[in-house]
Amino acid sequence: MKRAYVSIGSNIDRETNVRSAIAQLRRRYGRLIISPIYESEAVGFVGSAFYNGVIGLRTSIDALALNAELRTIEGEHGRRRDAAKFCSRSLDLDLLIWGDIVMQRPELILPRPEILEQAYVLRPLADIAGDVRHPLDGRTLRELWLQLKPSAQAMRIVEFTLD
């Protein structure tokens, strides 16, 4: 069984979509580790603020199969894959890390480059997996978070309870 970390984000009906996606992941994978949910401004376009977090889960399926399942869940929540890269989203689920695997495929890059670039990805990931080492960089996710250059992106924890 591999430990996988999946980012979750939404800026369209965000609370409903984040809750629903977490419930689906819980039904499929059982016990989840769930980061705090953060609110942050849209990056790369003008749009409503996002809810972002990270989910940790264990799975025996391979990274490509897990990625396909995440795409299916996105689609069930109204996500259109043919939309512009930087746009509002009902649901965004990205496989960030799958064990210590490094992969460069057209449909999946592991670890996701955004881990090292975006506070809204790294902060919740470090919250739940601070001692995990980045498969390429070698530093722990906590170290990476503490060394991330301050950005103009403000983030705040959202009061978000799950059933």
N, C-alpha and C. Protein backbone atom coordinates (compact mmCIF):
# COMPACT_ATOMS: atom_id res chain seq x y z
N MET A 1 0.85 -1.18 0.00
CA MET A 1 0.00 0.00 0.00
C MET A 1 0.89 1.24 0.00
N LYS A 2 0.57 2.16 -0.87
CA LYS A 2 1.30 3.42 -0.95
C LYS A 2 0.50 4.52 -0.28
N ARG A 3 1.21 5.47 0.31
CA ARG A 3 0.59 6.68 0.83
C ARG A 3 0.56 7.67 -0.32
N ALA A 4 -0.60 8.21 -0.57
CA ALA A 4 -0.78 9.21 -1.61
C ALA A 4 -1.30 10.49 -0.97
N TYR A 5 -0.91 11.61 -1.55
CA TYR A 5 -1.40 12.92 -1.11
C TYR A 5 -2.03 13.61 -2.31
N VAL A 6 -3.26 14.06 -2.10
CA VAL A 6 -4.08 14.63 -3.16
C VAL A 6 -4.50 16.03 -2.74
N SER A 7 -4.25 17.02 -3.60
CA SER A 7 -4.75 18.37 -3.32
C SER A 7 -6.20 18.45 -3.75
N ILE A 8 -6.96 19.26 -3.02
CA ILE A 8 -8.36 19.46 -3.33
C ILE A 8 -8.63 20.96 -3.35
N GLY A 9 -9.34 21.41 -4.36
CA GLY A 9 -9.63 22.83 -4.46
C GLY A 9 -10.94 23.06 -5.18
N SER A 10 -11.58 24.17 -4.83
CA SER A 10 -12.83 24.56 -5.49
C SER A 10 -13.08 26.03 -5.26
N ASN A 11 -13.61 26.70 -6.29
CA ASN A 11 -14.09 28.07 -6.09
C ASN A 11 -15.49 28.27 -6.68
N ILE A 12 -16.16 27.17 -6.99
CA ILE A 12 -17.55 27.18 -7.41
C ILE A 12 -18.31 26.27 -6.45
N ASP A 13 -19.28 26.84 -5.73
CA ASP A 13 -20.01 26.08 -4.71
C ASP A 13 -19.01 25.28 -3.88
N ARG A 14 -17.98 25.97 -3.45
CA ARG A 14 -16.77 25.35 -2.91
C ARG A 14 -17.00 24.48 -1.69
N GLU A 15 -17.81 24.90 -0.73
CA GLU A 15 -18.00 24.07 0.45
C GLU A 15 -18.70 22.75 0.09
N THR A 16 -19.74 22.83 -0.71
CA THR A 16 -20.46 21.63 -1.12
C THR A 16 -19.56 20.68 -1.90
N ASN A 17 -18.81 21.21 -2.85
CA ASN A 17 -17.95 20.35 -3.68
C ASN A 17 -16.80 19.74 -2.90
N VAL A 18 -16.19 20.50 -2.00
CA VAL A 18 -15.09 19.94 -1.20
C VAL A 18 -15.63 18.86 -0.27
N ARG A 19 -16.74 19.11 0.40
CA ARG A 19 -17.34 18.10 1.28
C ARG A 19 -17.70 16.82 0.51
N SER A 20 -18.33 16.99 -0.64
CA SER A 20 -18.76 15.84 -1.43
C SER A 20 -17.56 15.02 -1.91
N ALA A 21 -16.53 15.69 -2.38
CA ALA A 21 -15.33 14.97 -2.85
C ALA A 21 -14.65 14.22 -1.71
N ILE A 22 -14.56 14.83 -0.54
CA ILE A 22 -13.96 14.15 0.61
C ILE A 22 -14.79 12.93 0.96
N ALA A 23 -16.11 13.05 0.94
CA ALA A 23 -16.98 11.91 1.24
C ALA A 23 -16.76 10.78 0.23
N GLN A 24 -16.62 11.11 -1.05
CA GLN A 24 -16.37 10.09 -2.06
C GLN A 24 -15.02 9.41 -1.84
N LEU A 25 -14.00 10.20 -1.54
CA LEU A 25 -12.68 9.61 -1.28
C LEU A 25 -12.72 8.73 -0.05
N ARG A 26 -13.45 9.12 0.97
CA ARG A 26 -13.56 8.32 2.20
C ARG A 26 -14.26 7.00 1.90
N ARG A 27 -15.34 7.03 1.10
CA ARG A 27 -16.03 5.78 0.76
C ARG A 27 -15.11 4.84 -0.01
N ARG A 28 -14.27 5.39 -0.87
CA ARG A 28 -13.40 4.56 -1.70
C ARG A 28 -12.15 4.08 -0.96
N TYR A 29 -11.55 4.95 -0.14
CA TYR A 29 -10.24 4.63 0.45
C TYR A 29 -10.25 4.46 1.96
N GLY A 30 -11.40 4.66 2.60
CA GLY A 30 -11.47 4.48 4.04
C GLY A 30 -10.93 5.69 4.78
N ARG A 31 -10.11 5.41 5.77
CA ARG A 31 -9.57 6.47 6.62
C ARG A 31 -8.72 7.44 5.80
N LEU A 32 -9.01 8.72 5.96
CA LEU A 32 -8.25 9.78 5.29
C LEU A 32 -7.58 10.66 6.32
N ILE A 33 -6.48 11.25 5.94
CA ILE A 33 -5.87 12.33 6.72
C ILE A 33 -6.25 13.61 5.97
N ILE A 34 -6.88 14.53 6.67
CA ILE A 34 -7.40 15.73 6.02
C ILE A 34 -6.75 16.96 6.63
N SER A 35 -6.14 17.77 5.80
CA SER A 35 -5.51 19.01 6.26
C SER A 35 -6.58 20.02 6.64
N PRO A 36 -6.17 21.09 7.32
CA PRO A 36 -7.10 22.21 7.42
C PRO A 36 -7.45 22.69 6.00
N ILE A 37 -8.61 23.29 5.89
CA ILE A 37 -9.03 23.88 4.62
C ILE A 37 -8.70 25.36 4.67
N TYR A 38 -8.05 25.83 3.62
CA TYR A 38 -7.63 27.23 3.54
C TYR A 38 -8.42 27.94 2.45
N GLU A 39 -8.66 29.21 2.67
CA GLU A 39 -9.22 30.06 1.63
C GLU A 39 -8.07 30.89 1.08
N SER A 40 -7.97 30.94 -0.24
CA SER A 40 -6.93 31.74 -0.88
C SER A 40 -7.46 32.30 -2.18
N GLU A 41 -6.87 33.39 -2.58
CA GLU A 41 -7.28 34.04 -3.83
C GLU A 41 -6.91 33.17 -5.03
N ALA A 42 -7.63 33.35 -6.10
CA ALA A 42 -7.32 32.65 -7.34
C ALA A 42 -5.92 33.04 -7.82
N VAL A 43 -5.21 32.10 -8.42
CA VAL A 43 -3.86 32.33 -8.95
C VAL A 43 -3.92 32.18 -10.46
N GLY A 44 -3.43 33.18 -11.18
CA GLY A 44 -3.34 33.11 -12.63
C GLY A 44 -4.55 33.66 -13.37
N PHE A 45 -5.59 34.05 -12.64
CA PHE A 45 -6.78 34.63 -13.25
C PHE A 45 -7.58 35.37 -12.19
N VAL A 46 -8.49 36.21 -12.62
CA VAL A 46 -9.37 36.93 -11.71
C VAL A 46 -10.60 36.05 -11.50
N GLY A 47 -10.86 35.70 -10.25
CA GLY A 47 -12.00 34.84 -9.95
C GLY A 47 -12.24 34.80 -8.46
N SER A 48 -13.28 34.10 -8.08
CA SER A 48 -13.62 33.94 -6.67
C SER A 48 -12.51 33.20 -5.94
N ALA A 49 -12.44 33.42 -4.63
CA ALA A 49 -11.45 32.74 -3.79
C ALA A 49 -11.72 31.24 -3.76
N PHE A 50 -10.66 30.48 -3.60
CA PHE A 50 -10.72 29.02 -3.55
C PHE A 50 -10.72 28.53 -2.11
N TYR A 51 -11.29 27.36 -1.92
CA TYR A 51 -11.02 26.53 -0.75
C TYR A 51 -9.99 25.51 -1.22
N ASN A 52 -8.90 25.35 -0.47
CA ASN A 52 -7.84 24.41 -0.80
C ASN A 52 -7.46 23.59 0.41
N GLY A 53 -7.09 22.36 0.18
CA GLY A 53 -6.60 21.47 1.23
C GLY A 53 -5.87 20.31 0.60
N VAL A 54 -5.45 19.38 1.45
CA VAL A 54 -4.77 18.17 0.99
C VAL A 54 -5.33 16.99 1.76
N ILE A 55 -5.51 15.89 1.05
CA ILE A 55 -6.01 14.64 1.60
C ILE A 55 -4.91 13.60 1.51
N GLY A 56 -4.66 12.89 2.60
CA GLY A 56 -3.74 11.75 2.59
C GLY A 56 -4.55 10.47 2.61
N LEU A 57 -4.16 9.50 1.80
CA LEU A 57 -4.87 8.23 1.77
C LEU A 57 -3.88 7.12 1.46
N ARG A 58 -4.29 5.90 1.74
CA ARG A 58 -3.49 4.72 1.38
C ARG A 58 -4.23 3.97 0.29
N THR A 59 -3.45 3.48 -0.68
CA THR A 59 -4.05 2.75 -1.79
C THR A 59 -3.10 1.70 -2.33
N SER A 60 -3.69 0.65 -2.88
CA SER A 60 -2.90 -0.38 -3.54
C SER A 60 -2.93 -0.22 -5.06
N ILE A 61 -3.74 0.71 -5.57
CA ILE A 61 -3.77 0.91 -7.02
C ILE A 61 -2.59 1.80 -7.43
N ASP A 62 -2.22 1.71 -8.69
CA ASP A 62 -1.06 2.49 -9.14
C ASP A 62 -1.44 3.95 -9.35
N ALA A 63 -0.43 4.77 -9.53
CA ALA A 63 -0.63 6.22 -9.62
C ALA A 63 -1.51 6.61 -10.79
N LEU A 64 -1.35 5.95 -11.93
CA LEU A 64 -2.16 6.30 -13.10
C LEU A 64 -3.64 5.95 -12.87
N ALA A 65 -3.90 4.83 -12.23
CA ALA A 65 -5.28 4.44 -11.93
C ALA A 65 -5.89 5.40 -10.91
N LEU A 66 -5.11 5.79 -9.90
CA LEU A 66 -5.61 6.75 -8.91
C LEU A 66 -5.90 8.08 -9.59
N ASN A 67 -5.00 8.53 -10.45
CA ASN A 67 -5.21 9.78 -11.17
C ASN A 67 -6.49 9.72 -12.00
N ALA A 68 -6.75 8.59 -12.65
CA ALA A 68 -7.98 8.42 -13.44
C ALA A 68 -9.21 8.49 -12.54
N GLU A 69 -9.14 7.89 -11.35
CA GLU A 69 -10.27 7.97 -10.41
C GLU A 69 -10.52 9.41 -9.98
N LEU A 70 -9.44 10.17 -9.75
CA LEU A 70 -9.60 11.57 -9.36
C LEU A 70 -10.27 12.36 -10.48
N ARG A 71 -9.90 12.09 -11.74
CA ARG A 71 -10.52 12.77 -12.88
C ARG A 71 -12.01 12.44 -12.97
N THR A 72 -12.36 11.19 -12.66
CA THR A 72 -13.77 10.78 -12.67
C THR A 72 -14.56 11.55 -11.61
N ILE A 73 -14.00 11.65 -10.41
CA ILE A 73 -14.67 12.40 -9.33
C ILE A 73 -14.83 13.86 -9.73
N GLU A 74 -13.81 14.45 -10.32
CA GLU A 74 -13.92 15.83 -10.81
C GLU A 74 -15.08 15.96 -11.78
N GLY A 75 -15.16 15.06 -12.74
CA GLY A 75 -16.22 15.10 -13.73
C GLY A 75 -17.60 14.98 -13.11
N GLU A 76 -17.72 14.15 -12.10
CA GLU A 76 -19.00 13.99 -11.40
C GLU A 76 -19.41 15.27 -10.67
N HIS A 77 -18.46 16.15 -10.46
CA HIS A 77 -18.72 17.43 -9.80
C HIS A 77 -18.77 18.59 -10.80
N GLY A 78 -18.87 18.26 -12.07
CA GLY A 78 -19.04 19.30 -13.09
C GLY A 78 -17.76 19.88 -13.65
N ARG A 79 -16.62 19.30 -13.33
CA ARG A 79 -15.34 19.80 -13.85
C ARG A 79 -15.24 19.50 -15.33
N ARG A 80 -14.90 20.52 -16.08
CA ARG A 80 -14.69 20.34 -17.52
C ARG A 80 -13.20 20.39 -17.81
N ARG A 81 -12.68 19.34 -18.41
CA ARG A 81 -11.25 19.25 -18.70
C ARG A 81 -10.87 20.08 -19.93
N ASP A 82 -11.86 20.51 -20.73
CA ASP A 82 -11.55 21.29 -21.92
C ASP A 82 -11.52 22.79 -21.65
N ALA A 83 -11.70 23.20 -20.39
CA ALA A 83 -11.68 24.62 -20.04
C ALA A 83 -10.23 25.12 -19.99
N ALA A 84 -10.09 26.43 -19.95
CA ALA A 84 -8.76 27.05 -19.85
C ALA A 84 -8.05 26.55 -18.60
N LYS A 85 -6.71 26.55 -18.64
CA LYS A 85 -5.91 26.09 -17.50
C LYS A 85 -6.19 26.91 -16.26
N PHE A 86 -6.21 28.22 -16.39
CA PHE A 86 -6.45 29.10 -15.26
C PHE A 86 -7.88 29.62 -15.34
N CYS A 87 -8.79 28.98 -14.60
CA CYS A 87 -10.19 29.39 -14.60
C CYS A 87 -10.86 28.88 -13.33
N SER A 88 -12.07 29.34 -13.10
CA SER A 88 -12.83 28.86 -11.95
C SER A 88 -13.09 27.36 -12.11
N ARG A 89 -13.17 26.68 -10.95
CA ARG A 89 -13.33 25.22 -10.99
C ARG A 89 -14.31 24.77 -9.92
N SER A 90 -15.18 23.87 -10.34
CA SER A 90 -16.08 23.25 -9.37
C SER A 90 -15.28 22.33 -8.44
N LEU A 91 -14.30 21.63 -9.02
CA LEU A 91 -13.48 20.73 -8.22
C LEU A 91 -12.17 20.48 -8.94
N ASP A 92 -11.09 20.53 -8.19
CA ASP A 92 -9.76 20.24 -8.71
C ASP A 92 -9.12 19.24 -7.75
N LEU A 93 -8.83 18.05 -8.23
CA LEU A 93 -8.15 17.01 -7.45
C LEU A 93 -6.86 16.65 -8.18
N ASP A 94 -5.73 16.91 -7.54
CA ASP A 94 -4.44 16.62 -8.17
C ASP A 94 -3.62 15.70 -7.28
N LEU A 95 -3.15 14.61 -7.87
CA LEU A 95 -2.25 13.71 -7.17
C LEU A 95 -0.91 14.42 -7.04
N LEU A 96 -0.49 14.68 -5.80
CA LEU A 96 0.74 15.42 -5.54
C LEU A 96 1.94 14.50 -5.39
N ILE A 97 1.76 13.50 -4.53
CA ILE A 97 2.84 12.55 -4.20
C ILE A 97 2.20 11.18 -4.08
N TRP A 98 2.86 10.18 -4.63
CA TRP A 98 2.43 8.79 -4.52
C TRP A 98 3.65 8.00 -4.08
N GLY A 99 3.76 7.77 -2.76
CA GLY A 99 4.96 7.14 -2.22
C GLY A 99 6.17 7.99 -2.56
N ASP A 100 7.24 7.34 -2.97
CA ASP A 100 8.45 8.08 -3.37
C ASP A 100 8.67 8.03 -4.88
N ILE A 101 7.61 7.76 -5.61
CA ILE A 101 7.67 7.60 -7.06
C ILE A 101 7.91 8.94 -7.76
N VAL A 102 8.80 8.90 -8.75
CA VAL A 102 9.04 10.03 -9.64
C VAL A 102 8.55 9.59 -11.01
N MET A 103 7.70 10.41 -11.63
CA MET A 103 7.09 10.04 -12.91
C MET A 103 6.95 11.28 -13.79
N GLN A 104 7.27 11.13 -15.05
CA GLN A 104 7.09 12.18 -16.07
C GLN A 104 6.31 11.59 -17.22
N ARG A 105 4.99 11.72 -17.17
CA ARG A 105 4.12 11.22 -18.24
C ARG A 105 3.24 12.37 -18.68
N PRO A 106 2.74 12.32 -19.91
CA PRO A 106 1.86 13.42 -20.36
C PRO A 106 0.65 13.63 -19.44
N GLU A 107 0.10 12.54 -18.92
CA GLU A 107 -1.09 12.65 -18.08
C GLU A 107 -0.79 12.83 -16.59
N LEU A 108 0.47 12.66 -16.19
CA LEU A 108 0.78 12.74 -14.76
C LEU A 108 2.27 12.99 -14.53
N ILE A 109 2.55 14.00 -13.74
CA ILE A 109 3.92 14.29 -13.31
C ILE A 109 3.95 14.15 -11.79
N LEU A 110 4.85 13.32 -11.28
CA LEU A 110 5.02 13.14 -9.84
C LEU A 110 6.47 13.31 -9.47
N PRO A 111 6.74 13.99 -8.38
CA PRO A 111 5.80 14.80 -7.60
C PRO A 111 5.36 16.02 -8.40
N ARG A 112 4.18 16.56 -8.07
CA ARG A 112 3.66 17.73 -8.77
C ARG A 112 4.56 18.93 -8.55
N PRO A 113 4.92 19.65 -9.60
CA PRO A 113 5.79 20.83 -9.47
C PRO A 113 5.21 21.91 -8.54
N GLU A 114 3.88 22.01 -8.46
CA GLU A 114 3.25 23.04 -7.61
C GLU A 114 3.63 22.91 -6.14
N ILE A 115 4.07 21.74 -5.72
CA ILE A 115 4.48 21.57 -4.32
C ILE A 115 5.56 22.59 -3.97
N LEU A 116 6.49 22.80 -4.88
CA LEU A 116 7.61 23.70 -4.63
C LEU A 116 7.30 25.15 -5.00
N GLU A 117 6.14 25.39 -5.60
CA GLU A 117 5.84 26.72 -6.14
C GLU A 117 4.69 27.44 -5.48
N GLN A 118 3.68 26.72 -5.00
CA GLN A 118 2.44 27.35 -4.56
C GLN A 118 2.16 27.11 -3.08
N ALA A 119 2.01 28.19 -2.35
CA ALA A 119 1.70 28.09 -0.92
C ALA A 119 0.41 27.33 -0.67
N TYR A 120 -0.61 27.52 -1.52
CA TYR A 120 -1.89 26.87 -1.30
C TYR A 120 -1.81 25.35 -1.47
N VAL A 121 -0.73 24.85 -2.07
CA VAL A 121 -0.49 23.41 -2.15
C VAL A 121 0.43 22.96 -1.01
N LEU A 122 1.54 23.66 -0.83
CA LEU A 122 2.56 23.22 0.13
C LEU A 122 2.11 23.35 1.58
N ARG A 123 1.43 24.43 1.92
CA ARG A 123 1.07 24.61 3.34
C ARG A 123 0.18 23.48 3.86
N PRO A 124 -0.96 23.16 3.20
CA PRO A 124 -1.77 22.05 3.74
C PRO A 124 -1.06 20.70 3.64
N LEU A 125 -0.20 20.52 2.64
CA LEU A 125 0.57 19.29 2.53
C LEU A 125 1.53 19.17 3.70
N ALA A 126 2.23 20.23 4.03
CA ALA A 126 3.14 20.22 5.18
C ALA A 126 2.39 20.04 6.49
N ASP A 127 1.16 20.53 6.56
CA ASP A 127 0.35 20.36 7.77
C ASP A 127 0.14 18.89 8.11
N ILE A 128 -0.08 18.04 7.09
CA ILE A 128 -0.40 16.64 7.38
C ILE A 128 0.74 15.67 7.07
N ALA A 129 1.78 16.14 6.40
CA ALA A 129 2.88 15.26 6.01
C ALA A 129 4.22 15.96 6.17
N GLY A 130 4.37 16.71 7.23
CA GLY A 130 5.56 17.52 7.42
C GLY A 130 6.87 16.75 7.42
N ASP A 131 6.84 15.49 7.87
CA ASP A 131 8.07 14.70 7.94
C ASP A 131 8.37 13.94 6.65
N VAL A 132 7.45 13.96 5.70
CA VAL A 132 7.67 13.28 4.42
C VAL A 132 8.70 14.06 3.61
N ARG A 133 9.60 13.34 2.98
CA ARG A 133 10.62 13.97 2.15
C ARG A 133 10.12 14.08 0.71
N HIS A 134 10.39 15.23 0.11
CA HIS A 134 10.05 15.44 -1.30
C HIS A 134 10.88 14.46 -2.11
N PRO A 135 10.25 13.67 -2.98
CA PRO A 135 10.97 12.62 -3.72
C PRO A 135 12.14 13.11 -4.58
N LEU A 136 12.12 14.35 -5.03
CA LEU A 136 13.23 14.87 -5.83
C LEU A 136 14.15 15.78 -5.03
N ASP A 137 13.58 16.65 -4.26
CA ASP A 137 14.34 17.67 -3.53
C ASP A 137 15.08 17.08 -2.32
N GLY A 138 14.44 16.13 -1.64
CA GLY A 138 15.06 15.48 -0.49
C GLY A 138 14.74 16.13 0.85
N ARG A 139 14.34 17.39 0.84
CA ARG A 139 13.98 18.05 2.10
C ARG A 139 12.59 17.60 2.53
N THR A 140 12.32 17.74 3.84
CA THR A 140 10.98 17.41 4.30
C THR A 140 10.02 18.50 3.83
N LEU A 141 8.76 18.14 3.78
CA LEU A 141 7.74 19.11 3.37
C LEU A 141 7.66 20.26 4.36
N ARG A 142 7.90 19.99 5.63
CA ARG A 142 7.95 21.07 6.64
C ARG A 142 9.08 22.03 6.34
N GLU A 143 10.27 21.49 6.02
CA GLU A 143 11.41 22.35 5.67
C GLU A 143 11.10 23.18 4.44
N LEU A 144 10.49 22.56 3.45
CA LEU A 144 10.14 23.29 2.23
C LEU A 144 9.17 24.42 2.54
N TRP A 145 8.18 24.15 3.41
CA TRP A 145 7.21 25.19 3.76
C TRP A 145 7.92 26.34 4.47
N LEU A 146 8.78 26.03 5.41
CA LEU A 146 9.46 27.08 6.17
C LEU A 146 10.41 27.89 5.29
N GLN A 147 10.88 27.31 4.19
CA GLN A 147 11.82 28.00 3.31
C GLN A 147 11.15 28.60 2.07
N LEU A 148 9.83 28.40 1.94
CA LEU A 148 9.14 28.97 0.78
C LEU A 148 9.21 30.48 0.85
N LYS A 149 9.57 31.10 -0.24
CA LYS A 149 9.66 32.56 -0.27
C LYS A 149 8.28 33.14 -0.02
N PRO A 150 8.21 34.15 0.82
CA PRO A 150 6.90 34.77 1.07
C PRO A 150 6.27 35.23 -0.24
N SER A 151 4.99 34.99 -0.35
CA SER A 151 4.29 35.39 -1.57
C SER A 151 3.20 36.39 -1.23
N ALA A 152 2.65 36.96 -2.25
CA ALA A 152 1.56 37.91 -2.06
C ALA A 152 0.25 37.19 -1.82
N GLN A 153 0.25 35.87 -1.93
CA GLN A 153 -0.98 35.12 -1.76
C GLN A 153 -1.32 34.94 -0.29
N ALA A 154 -2.39 35.59 0.13
CA ALA A 154 -2.86 35.45 1.50
C ALA A 154 -3.69 34.18 1.62
N MET A 155 -3.52 33.50 2.75
CA MET A 155 -4.29 32.29 3.03
C MET A 155 -4.83 32.39 4.44
N ARG A 156 -6.05 31.91 4.62
CA ARG A 156 -6.59 31.84 5.97
C ARG A 156 -7.30 30.51 6.15
N ILE A 157 -7.19 29.96 7.36
CA ILE A 157 -7.88 28.71 7.66
C ILE A 157 -9.37 28.99 7.74
N VAL A 158 -10.15 28.09 7.14
CA VAL A 158 -11.60 28.20 7.13
C VAL A 158 -12.16 27.27 8.20
N GLU A 159 -13.14 27.73 8.93
CA GLU A 159 -13.85 26.86 9.88
C GLU A 159 -14.60 25.84 9.05
N PHE A 160 -14.15 24.60 9.09
CA PHE A 160 -14.65 23.57 8.18
C PHE A 160 -14.69 22.26 8.93
N THR A 161 -15.84 21.84 9.37
CA THR A 161 -15.95 20.57 10.07
C THR A 161 -16.56 19.52 9.14
N LEU A 162 -16.09 18.31 9.28
CA LEU A 162 -16.60 17.20 8.47
C LEU A 162 -17.37 16.25 9.36
N ASP A 163 -18.37 15.62 8.77
CA ASP A 163 -19.17 14.63 9.53
C ASP A 163 -18.35 13.42 9.86
